[in-house]
ModelCIF file with pLDDT and N, C-alpha, C, O atoms, coordinates in Angstrom:
data_MODEL
#
_entry.id   MODEL 
#
_entity.id                         1 
_entity.type                       polymer 
_entity.pdbx_number_of_molecules   1 
#
_entity_poly.entity_id                      1 
_entity_poly.type                           'polypeptide(L)' 
_entity_poly.nstd_linkage                   no 
_entity_poly.nstd_monomer                   no 
_entity_poly.pdbx_seq_one_letter_code       DMRLPDGDGLELVDWIQTNAADVPVAVITAHGNIEKA 
_entity_poly.pdbx_seq_one_letter_code_can   DMRLPDGDGLELVDWIQTNAADVPVAVITAHGNIEKA 
_entity_poly.pdbx_strand_id                 A 
#
loop_
_entity_poly_seq.entity_id 
_entity_poly_seq.num 
_entity_poly_seq.mon_id 
_entity_poly_seq.hetero 
1 1  ASP n 
1 2  MET n 
1 3  ARG n 
1 4  LEU n 
1 5  PRO n 
1 6  ASP n 
1 7  GLY n 
1 8  ASP n 
1 9  GLY n 
1 10 LEU n 
1 11 GLU n 
1 12 LEU n 
1 13 VAL n 
1 14 ASP n 
1 15 TRP n 
1 16 ILE n 
1 17 GLN n 
1 18 THR n 
1 19 ASN n 
1 20 ALA n 
1 21 ALA n 
1 22 ASP n 
1 23 VAL n 
1 24 PRO n 
1 25 VAL n 
1 26 ALA n 
1 27 VAL n 
1 28 ILE n 
1 29 THR n 
1 30 ALA n 
1 31 HIS n 
1 32 GLY n 
1 33 ASN n 
1 34 ILE n 
1 35 GLU n 
1 36 LYS n 
1 37 ALA n 
#
_struct_asym.id          A 
_struct_asym.entity_id   1 
#
loop_
_ma_qa_metric.id 
_ma_qa_metric.mode 
_ma_qa_metric.name 
_ma_qa_metric.software_group_id 
_ma_qa_metric.type 
1 global pLDDT . pLDDT 
2 local  pLDDT . pLDDT 
#
_ma_qa_metric_global.metric_id      1 
_ma_qa_metric_global.metric_value   85.86 
_ma_qa_metric_global.model_id       1 
_ma_qa_metric_global.ordinal_id     1 
#
loop_
_ma_qa_metric_local.label_asym_id 
_ma_qa_metric_local.label_comp_id 
_ma_qa_metric_local.label_seq_id 
_ma_qa_metric_local.metric_id 
_ma_qa_metric_local.metric_value 
_ma_qa_metric_local.model_id 
_ma_qa_metric_local.ordinal_id 
A ASP 1  2 93.00 1 1  
A MET 2  2 90.00 1 2  
A ARG 3  2 89.00 1 3  
A LEU 4  2 92.00 1 4  
A PRO 5  2 93.00 1 5  
A ASP 6  2 92.00 1 6  
A GLY 7  2 88.00 1 7  
A ASP 8  2 86.00 1 8  
A GLY 9  2 87.00 1 9  
A LEU 10 2 90.00 1 10 
A GLU 11 2 90.00 1 11 
A LEU 12 2 93.00 1 12 
A VAL 13 2 92.00 1 13 
A ASP 14 2 91.00 1 14 
A TRP 15 2 93.00 1 15 
A ILE 16 2 92.00 1 16 
A GLN 17 2 87.00 1 17 
A THR 18 2 88.00 1 18 
A ASN 19 2 91.00 1 19 
A ALA 20 2 89.00 1 20 
A ALA 21 2 83.00 1 21 
A ASP 22 2 85.00 1 22 
A VAL 23 2 91.00 1 23 
A PRO 24 2 90.00 1 24 
A VAL 25 2 92.00 1 25 
A ALA 26 2 91.00 1 26 
A VAL 27 2 92.00 1 27 
A ILE 28 2 90.00 1 28 
A THR 29 2 84.00 1 29 
A ALA 30 2 77.00 1 30 
A HIS 31 2 60.00 1 31 
A GLY 32 2 59.00 1 32 
A ASN 33 2 69.00 1 33 
A ILE 34 2 72.00 1 34 
A GLU 35 2 77.00 1 35 
A LYS 36 2 80.00 1 36 
A ALA 37 2 79.00 1 37 
#
loop_
_atom_site.group_PDB 
_atom_site.id 
_atom_site.type_symbol 
_atom_site.label_atom_id 
_atom_site.label_alt_id 
_atom_site.label_comp_id 
_atom_site.label_asym_id 
_atom_site.label_entity_id 
_atom_site.label_seq_id 
_atom_site.pdbx_PDB_ins_code 
_atom_site.Cartn_x 
_atom_site.Cartn_y 
_atom_site.Cartn_z 
_atom_site.occupancy 
_atom_site.B_iso_or_equiv 
_atom_site.pdbx_formal_charge 
_atom_site.auth_seq_id 
_atom_site.auth_comp_id 
_atom_site.auth_asym_id 
_atom_site.auth_atom_id 
_atom_site.pdbx_PDB_model_num 
ATOM 1   N N  . ASP A 1 1  ? -69.813 50.269 12.053 1.00 93.00 ? 1  ASP A N  1 
ATOM 2   C CA . ASP A 1 1  ? -70.307 51.382 11.255 1.00 93.00 ? 1  ASP A CA 1 
ATOM 3   C C  . ASP A 1 1  ? -69.948 51.128 9.797  1.00 93.00 ? 1  ASP A C  1 
ATOM 4   O O  . ASP A 1 1  ? -68.981 50.423 9.506  1.00 93.00 ? 1  ASP A O  1 
ATOM 5   N N  . MET A 1 2  ? -70.720 51.698 8.885  1.00 90.00 ? 2  MET A N  1 
ATOM 6   C CA . MET A 1 2  ? -70.448 51.505 7.467  1.00 90.00 ? 2  MET A CA 1 
ATOM 7   C C  . MET A 1 2  ? -69.283 52.358 6.986  1.00 90.00 ? 2  MET A C  1 
ATOM 8   O O  . MET A 1 2  ? -68.518 51.944 6.115  1.00 90.00 ? 2  MET A O  1 
ATOM 9   N N  . ARG A 1 3  ? -69.151 53.573 7.568  1.00 89.00 ? 3  ARG A N  1 
ATOM 10  C CA . ARG A 1 3  ? -68.088 54.487 7.155  1.00 89.00 ? 3  ARG A CA 1 
ATOM 11  C C  . ARG A 1 3  ? -67.011 54.548 8.223  1.00 89.00 ? 3  ARG A C  1 
ATOM 12  O O  . ARG A 1 3  ? -67.271 54.937 9.361  1.00 89.00 ? 3  ARG A O  1 
ATOM 13  N N  . LEU A 1 4  ? -65.786 54.155 7.844  1.00 92.00 ? 4  LEU A N  1 
ATOM 14  C CA . LEU A 1 4  ? -64.669 54.134 8.772  1.00 92.00 ? 4  LEU A CA 1 
ATOM 15  C C  . LEU A 1 4  ? -63.476 54.859 8.158  1.00 92.00 ? 4  LEU A C  1 
ATOM 16  O O  . LEU A 1 4  ? -63.404 54.973 6.935  1.00 92.00 ? 4  LEU A O  1 
ATOM 17  N N  . PRO A 1 5  ? -62.540 55.352 8.965  1.00 93.00 ? 5  PRO A N  1 
ATOM 18  C CA . PRO A 1 5  ? -61.444 56.179 8.447  1.00 93.00 ? 5  PRO A CA 1 
ATOM 19  C C  . PRO A 1 5  ? -60.591 55.504 7.384  1.00 93.00 ? 5  PRO A C  1 
ATOM 20  O O  . PRO A 1 5  ? -60.145 56.171 6.451  1.00 93.00 ? 5  PRO A O  1 
ATOM 21  N N  . ASP A 1 6  ? -60.347 54.189 7.497  1.00 92.00 ? 6  ASP A N  1 
ATOM 22  C CA . ASP A 1 6  ? -59.454 53.495 6.569  1.00 92.00 ? 6  ASP A CA 1 
ATOM 23  C C  . ASP A 1 6  ? -60.161 52.436 5.716  1.00 92.00 ? 6  ASP A C  1 
ATOM 24  O O  . ASP A 1 6  ? -59.519 51.515 5.212  1.00 92.00 ? 6  ASP A O  1 
ATOM 25  N N  . GLY A 1 7  ? -61.460 52.565 5.557  1.00 88.00 ? 7  GLY A N  1 
ATOM 26  C CA . GLY A 1 7  ? -62.214 51.625 4.737  1.00 88.00 ? 7  GLY A CA 1 
ATOM 27  C C  . GLY A 1 7  ? -63.698 51.721 5.041  1.00 88.00 ? 7  GLY A C  1 
ATOM 28  O O  . GLY A 1 7  ? -64.163 52.726 5.579  1.00 88.00 ? 7  GLY A O  1 
ATOM 29  N N  . ASP A 1 8  ? -64.438 50.681 4.698  1.00 86.00 ? 8  ASP A N  1 
ATOM 30  C CA . ASP A 1 8  ? -65.872 50.704 5.005  1.00 86.00 ? 8  ASP A CA 1 
ATOM 31  C C  . ASP A 1 8  ? -66.330 49.371 5.580  1.00 86.00 ? 8  ASP A C  1 
ATOM 32  O O  . ASP A 1 8  ? -65.611 48.372 5.560  1.00 86.00 ? 8  ASP A O  1 
ATOM 33  N N  . GLY A 1 9  ? -67.545 49.398 6.087  1.00 87.00 ? 9  GLY A N  1 
ATOM 34  C CA . GLY A 1 9  ? -68.105 48.219 6.721  1.00 87.00 ? 9  GLY A CA 1 
ATOM 35  C C  . GLY A 1 9  ? -68.247 47.034 5.784  1.00 87.00 ? 9  GLY A C  1 
ATOM 36  O O  . GLY A 1 9  ? -68.152 45.885 6.218  1.00 87.00 ? 9  GLY A O  1 
ATOM 37  N N  . LEU A 1 10 ? -68.475 47.301 4.494  1.00 90.00 ? 10 LEU A N  1 
ATOM 38  C CA . LEU A 1 10 ? -68.625 46.222 3.529  1.00 90.00 ? 10 LEU A CA 1 
ATOM 39  C C  . LEU A 1 10 ? -67.341 45.399 3.426  1.00 90.00 ? 10 LEU A C  1 
ATOM 40  O O  . LEU A 1 10 ? -67.377 44.170 3.381  1.00 90.00 ? 10 LEU A O  1 
ATOM 41  N N  . GLU A 1 11 ? -66.215 46.096 3.390  1.00 90.00 ? 11 GLU A N  1 
ATOM 42  C CA . GLU A 1 11 ? -64.921 45.412 3.353  1.00 90.00 ? 11 GLU A CA 1 
ATOM 43  C C  . GLU A 1 11 ? -64.744 44.523 4.581  1.00 90.00 ? 11 GLU A C  1 
ATOM 44  O O  . GLU A 1 11 ? -64.266 43.393 4.487  1.00 90.00 ? 11 GLU A O  1 
ATOM 45  N N  . LEU A 1 12 ? -65.138 45.058 5.731  1.00 93.00 ? 12 LEU A N  1 
ATOM 46  C CA . LEU A 1 12 ? -64.980 44.319 6.980  1.00 93.00 ? 12 LEU A CA 1 
ATOM 47  C C  . LEU A 1 12 ? -65.914 43.107 7.030  1.00 93.00 ? 12 LEU A C  1 
ATOM 48  O O  . LEU A 1 12 ? -65.510 42.029 7.466  1.00 93.00 ? 12 LEU A O  1 
ATOM 49  N N  . VAL A 1 13 ? -67.158 43.282 6.586  1.00 92.00 ? 13 VAL A N  1 
ATOM 50  C CA . VAL A 1 13 ? -68.108 42.162 6.551  1.00 92.00 ? 13 VAL A CA 1 
ATOM 51  C C  . VAL A 1 13 ? -67.551 41.032 5.689  1.00 92.00 ? 13 VAL A C  1 
ATOM 52  O O  . VAL A 1 13 ? -67.590 39.864 6.078  1.00 92.00 ? 13 VAL A O  1 
ATOM 53  N N  . ASP A 1 14 ? -67.035 41.392 4.516  1.00 91.00 ? 14 ASP A N  1 
ATOM 54  C CA . ASP A 1 14 ? -66.463 40.407 3.612  1.00 91.00 ? 14 ASP A CA 1 
ATOM 55  C C  . ASP A 1 14 ? -65.269 39.685 4.258  1.00 91.00 ? 14 ASP A C  1 
ATOM 56  O O  . ASP A 1 14 ? -65.129 38.468 4.139  1.00 91.00 ? 14 ASP A O  1 
ATOM 57  N N  . TRP A 1 15 ? -64.420 40.451 4.938  1.00 93.00 ? 15 TRP A N  1 
ATOM 58  C CA . TRP A 1 15 ? -63.248 39.864 5.611  1.00 93.00 ? 15 TRP A CA 1 
ATOM 59  C C  . TRP A 1 15 ? -63.670 38.902 6.727  1.00 93.00 ? 15 TRP A C  1 
ATOM 60  O O  . TRP A 1 15 ? -63.075 37.837 6.890  1.00 93.00 ? 15 TRP A O  1 
ATOM 61  N N  . ILE A 1 16 ? -64.679 39.275 7.479  1.00 92.00 ? 16 ILE A N  1 
ATOM 62  C CA . ILE A 1 16 ? -65.161 38.435 8.583  1.00 92.00 ? 16 ILE A CA 1 
ATOM 63  C C  . ILE A 1 16 ? -65.685 37.100 8.068  1.00 92.00 ? 16 ILE A C  1 
ATOM 64  O O  . ILE A 1 16 ? -65.476 36.072 8.712  1.00 92.00 ? 16 ILE A O  1 
ATOM 65  N N  . GLN A 1 17 ? -66.361 37.093 6.919  1.00 87.00 ? 17 GLN A N  1 
ATOM 66  C CA . GLN A 1 17 ? -66.901 35.842 6.381  1.00 87.00 ? 17 GLN A CA 1 
ATOM 67  C C  . GLN A 1 17 ? -65.803 34.827 6.083  1.00 87.00 ? 17 GLN A C  1 
ATOM 68  O O  . GLN A 1 17 ? -66.040 33.619 6.115  1.00 87.00 ? 17 GLN A O  1 
ATOM 69  N N  . THR A 1 18 ? -64.609 35.318 5.795  1.00 88.00 ? 18 THR A N  1 
ATOM 70  C CA . THR A 1 18 ? -63.481 34.433 5.486  1.00 88.00 ? 18 THR A CA 1 
ATOM 71  C C  . THR A 1 18 ? -62.648 34.110 6.719  1.00 88.00 ? 18 THR A C  1 
ATOM 72  O O  . THR A 1 18 ? -62.191 32.980 6.889  1.00 88.00 ? 18 THR A O  1 
ATOM 73  N N  . ASN A 1 19 ? -62.453 35.106 7.578  1.00 91.00 ? 19 ASN A N  1 
ATOM 74  C CA . ASN A 1 19 ? -61.497 34.965 8.669  1.00 91.00 ? 19 ASN A CA 1 
ATOM 75  C C  . ASN A 1 19 ? -62.107 34.774 10.055 1.00 91.00 ? 19 ASN A C  1 
ATOM 76  O O  . ASN A 1 19 ? -61.419 34.344 10.980 1.00 91.00 ? 19 ASN A O  1 
ATOM 77  N N  . ALA A 1 20 ? -63.386 35.089 10.203 1.00 89.00 ? 20 ALA A N  1 
ATOM 78  C CA . ALA A 1 20 ? -64.062 34.914 11.497 1.00 89.00 ? 20 ALA A CA 1 
ATOM 79  C C  . ALA A 1 20 ? -65.532 34.594 11.252 1.00 89.00 ? 20 ALA A C  1 
ATOM 80  O O  . ALA A 1 20 ? -66.425 35.269 11.763 1.00 89.00 ? 20 ALA A O  1 
ATOM 81  N N  . ALA A 1 21 ? -65.761 33.549 10.457 1.00 83.00 ? 21 ALA A N  1 
ATOM 82  C CA . ALA A 1 21 ? -67.102 33.250 9.961  1.00 83.00 ? 21 ALA A CA 1 
ATOM 83  C C  . ALA A 1 21 ? -68.112 32.931 11.061 1.00 83.00 ? 21 ALA A C  1 
ATOM 84  O O  . ALA A 1 21 ? -69.318 33.043 10.840 1.00 83.00 ? 21 ALA A O  1 
ATOM 85  N N  . ASP A 1 22 ? -67.640 32.537 12.233 1.00 85.00 ? 22 ASP A N  1 
ATOM 86  C CA . ASP A 1 22 ? -68.556 32.200 13.324 1.00 85.00 ? 22 ASP A CA 1 
ATOM 87  C C  . ASP A 1 22 ? -69.088 33.431 14.060 1.00 85.00 ? 22 ASP A C  1 
ATOM 88  O O  . ASP A 1 22 ? -69.948 33.305 14.931 1.00 85.00 ? 22 ASP A O  1 
ATOM 89  N N  . VAL A 1 23 ? -68.590 34.604 13.724 1.00 91.00 ? 23 VAL A N  1 
ATOM 90  C CA . VAL A 1 23 ? -68.998 35.825 14.422 1.00 91.00 ? 23 VAL A CA 1 
ATOM 91  C C  . VAL A 1 23 ? -70.110 36.527 13.641 1.00 91.00 ? 23 VAL A C  1 
ATOM 92  O O  . VAL A 1 23 ? -69.842 37.037 12.553 1.00 91.00 ? 23 VAL A O  1 
ATOM 93  N N  . PRO A 1 24 ? -71.340 36.576 14.146 1.00 90.00 ? 24 PRO A N  1 
ATOM 94  C CA . PRO A 1 24 ? -72.394 37.340 13.470 1.00 90.00 ? 24 PRO A CA 1 
ATOM 95  C C  . PRO A 1 24 ? -72.048 38.828 13.472 1.00 90.00 ? 24 PRO A C  1 
ATOM 96  O O  . PRO A 1 24 ? -71.630 39.368 14.496 1.00 90.00 ? 24 PRO A O  1 
ATOM 97  N N  . VAL A 1 25 ? -72.221 39.488 12.336 1.00 92.00 ? 25 VAL A N  1 
ATOM 98  C CA . VAL A 1 25 ? -71.895 40.907 12.236 1.00 92.00 ? 25 VAL A CA 1 
ATOM 99  C C  . VAL A 1 25 ? -73.103 41.683 11.727 1.00 92.00 ? 25 VAL A C  1 
ATOM 100 O O  . VAL A 1 25 ? -73.724 41.300 10.736 1.00 92.00 ? 25 VAL A O  1 
ATOM 101 N N  . ALA A 1 26 ? -73.431 42.778 12.413 1.00 91.00 ? 26 ALA A N  1 
ATOM 102 C CA . ALA A 1 26 ? -74.492 43.691 11.988 1.00 91.00 ? 26 ALA A CA 1 
ATOM 103 C C  . ALA A 1 26 ? -73.857 45.026 11.634 1.00 91.00 ? 26 ALA A C  1 
ATOM 104 O O  . ALA A 1 26 ? -72.908 45.452 12.293 1.00 91.00 ? 26 ALA A O  1 
ATOM 105 N N  . VAL A 1 27 ? -74.363 45.689 10.611 1.00 92.00 ? 27 VAL A N  1 
ATOM 106 C CA . VAL A 1 27 ? -73.787 46.960 10.165 1.00 92.00 ? 27 VAL A CA 1 
ATOM 107 C C  . VAL A 1 27 ? -74.707 48.115 10.547 1.00 92.00 ? 27 VAL A C  1 
ATOM 108 O O  . VAL A 1 27 ? -75.925 47.963 10.638 1.00 92.00 ? 27 VAL A O  1 
ATOM 109 N N  . ILE A 1 28 ? -74.086 49.278 10.767 1.00 90.00 ? 28 ILE A N  1 
ATOM 110 C CA . ILE A 1 28 ? -74.806 50.501 11.107 1.00 90.00 ? 28 ILE A CA 1 
ATOM 111 C C  . ILE A 1 28 ? -74.692 51.444 9.916  1.00 90.00 ? 28 ILE A C  1 
ATOM 112 O O  . ILE A 1 28 ? -73.587 51.802 9.510  1.00 90.00 ? 28 ILE A O  1 
ATOM 113 N N  . THR A 1 29 ? -75.822 51.844 9.358  1.00 84.00 ? 29 THR A N  1 
ATOM 114 C CA . THR A 1 29 ? -75.831 52.677 8.160  1.00 84.00 ? 29 THR A CA 1 
ATOM 115 C C  . THR A 1 29 ? -76.463 54.037 8.445  1.00 84.00 ? 29 THR A C  1 
ATOM 116 O O  . THR A 1 29 ? -77.201 54.216 9.414  1.00 84.00 ? 29 THR A O  1 
ATOM 117 N N  . ALA A 1 30 ? -76.148 54.986 7.568  1.00 77.00 ? 30 ALA A N  1 
ATOM 118 C CA . ALA A 1 30 ? -76.817 56.284 7.634  1.00 77.00 ? 30 ALA A CA 1 
ATOM 119 C C  . ALA A 1 30 ? -78.287 56.096 7.305  1.00 77.00 ? 30 ALA A C  1 
ATOM 120 O O  . ALA A 1 30 ? -78.653 55.192 6.554  1.00 77.00 ? 30 ALA A O  1 
ATOM 121 N N  . HIS A 1 31 ? -79.128 56.954 7.871  1.00 60.00 ? 31 HIS A N  1 
ATOM 122 C CA . HIS A 1 31 ? -80.568 56.850 7.658  1.00 60.00 ? 31 HIS A CA 1 
ATOM 123 C C  . HIS A 1 31 ? -80.903 56.884 6.171  1.00 60.00 ? 31 HIS A C  1 
ATOM 124 O O  . HIS A 1 31 ? -80.464 57.779 5.448  1.00 60.00 ? 31 HIS A O  1 
ATOM 125 N N  . GLY A 1 32 ? -81.666 55.928 5.730  1.00 59.00 ? 32 GLY A N  1 
ATOM 126 C CA . GLY A 1 32 ? -82.116 55.887 4.342  1.00 59.00 ? 32 GLY A CA 1 
ATOM 127 C C  . GLY A 1 32 ? -81.166 55.221 3.373  1.00 59.00 ? 32 GLY A C  1 
ATOM 128 O O  . GLY A 1 32 ? -81.496 55.075 2.196  1.00 59.00 ? 32 GLY A O  1 
ATOM 129 N N  . ASN A 1 33 ? -79.984 54.809 3.835  1.00 69.00 ? 33 ASN A N  1 
ATOM 130 C CA . ASN A 1 33 ? -79.016 54.191 2.934  1.00 69.00 ? 33 ASN A CA 1 
ATOM 131 C C  . ASN A 1 33 ? -79.266 52.689 2.851  1.00 69.00 ? 33 ASN A C  1 
ATOM 132 O O  . ASN A 1 33 ? -78.440 51.880 3.272  1.00 69.00 ? 33 ASN A O  1 
ATOM 133 N N  . ILE A 1 34 ? -80.412 52.341 2.303  1.00 72.00 ? 34 ILE A N  1 
ATOM 134 C CA . ILE A 1 34 ? -80.827 50.953 2.237  1.00 72.00 ? 34 ILE A CA 1 
ATOM 135 C C  . ILE A 1 34 ? -79.935 50.147 1.285  1.00 72.00 ? 34 ILE A C  1 
ATOM 136 O O  . ILE A 1 34 ? -79.670 48.968 1.520  1.00 72.00 ? 34 ILE A O  1 
ATOM 137 N N  . GLU A 1 35 ? -79.472 50.800 0.201  1.00 77.00 ? 35 GLU A N  1 
ATOM 138 C CA . GLU A 1 35 ? -78.659 50.088 -0.779 1.00 77.00 ? 35 GLU A CA 1 
ATOM 139 C C  . GLU A 1 35 ? -77.417 49.474 -0.137 1.00 77.00 ? 35 GLU A C  1 
ATOM 140 O O  . GLU A 1 35 ? -77.084 48.318 -0.394 1.00 77.00 ? 35 GLU A O  1 
ATOM 141 N N  . LYS A 1 36 ? -76.732 50.262 0.705  1.00 80.00 ? 36 LYS A N  1 
ATOM 142 C CA . LYS A 1 36 ? -75.542 49.762 1.400  1.00 80.00 ? 36 LYS A CA 1 
ATOM 143 C C  . LYS A 1 36 ? -75.901 48.611 2.343  1.00 80.00 ? 36 LYS A C  1 
ATOM 144 O O  . LYS A 1 36 ? -75.183 47.617 2.444  1.00 80.00 ? 36 LYS A O  1 
ATOM 145 N N  . ALA A 1 37 ? -77.021 48.775 3.023  1.00 79.00 ? 37 ALA A N  1 
ATOM 146 C CA . ALA A 1 37 ? -77.463 47.728 3.943  1.00 79.00 ? 37 ALA A CA 1 
ATOM 147 C C  . ALA A 1 37 ? -77.726 46.424 3.196  1.00 79.00 ? 37 ALA A C  1 
ATOM 148 O O  . ALA A 1 37 ? -78.106 45.427 3.809  1.00 79.00 ? 37 ALA A O  1 
#
C-alpha cells in the first residue's frame, strides 16, 4: 500500500531497489492518485 503507519510505499520501493532488487514490487494507490503511482 502507498500509505502505511510508519512511512509510505515510495520509501519502501526505494529501499527494495537497494536491498532486495530481485523482488518485483507493485504499489497500491488511492483512486486517482496517478502522481504517486
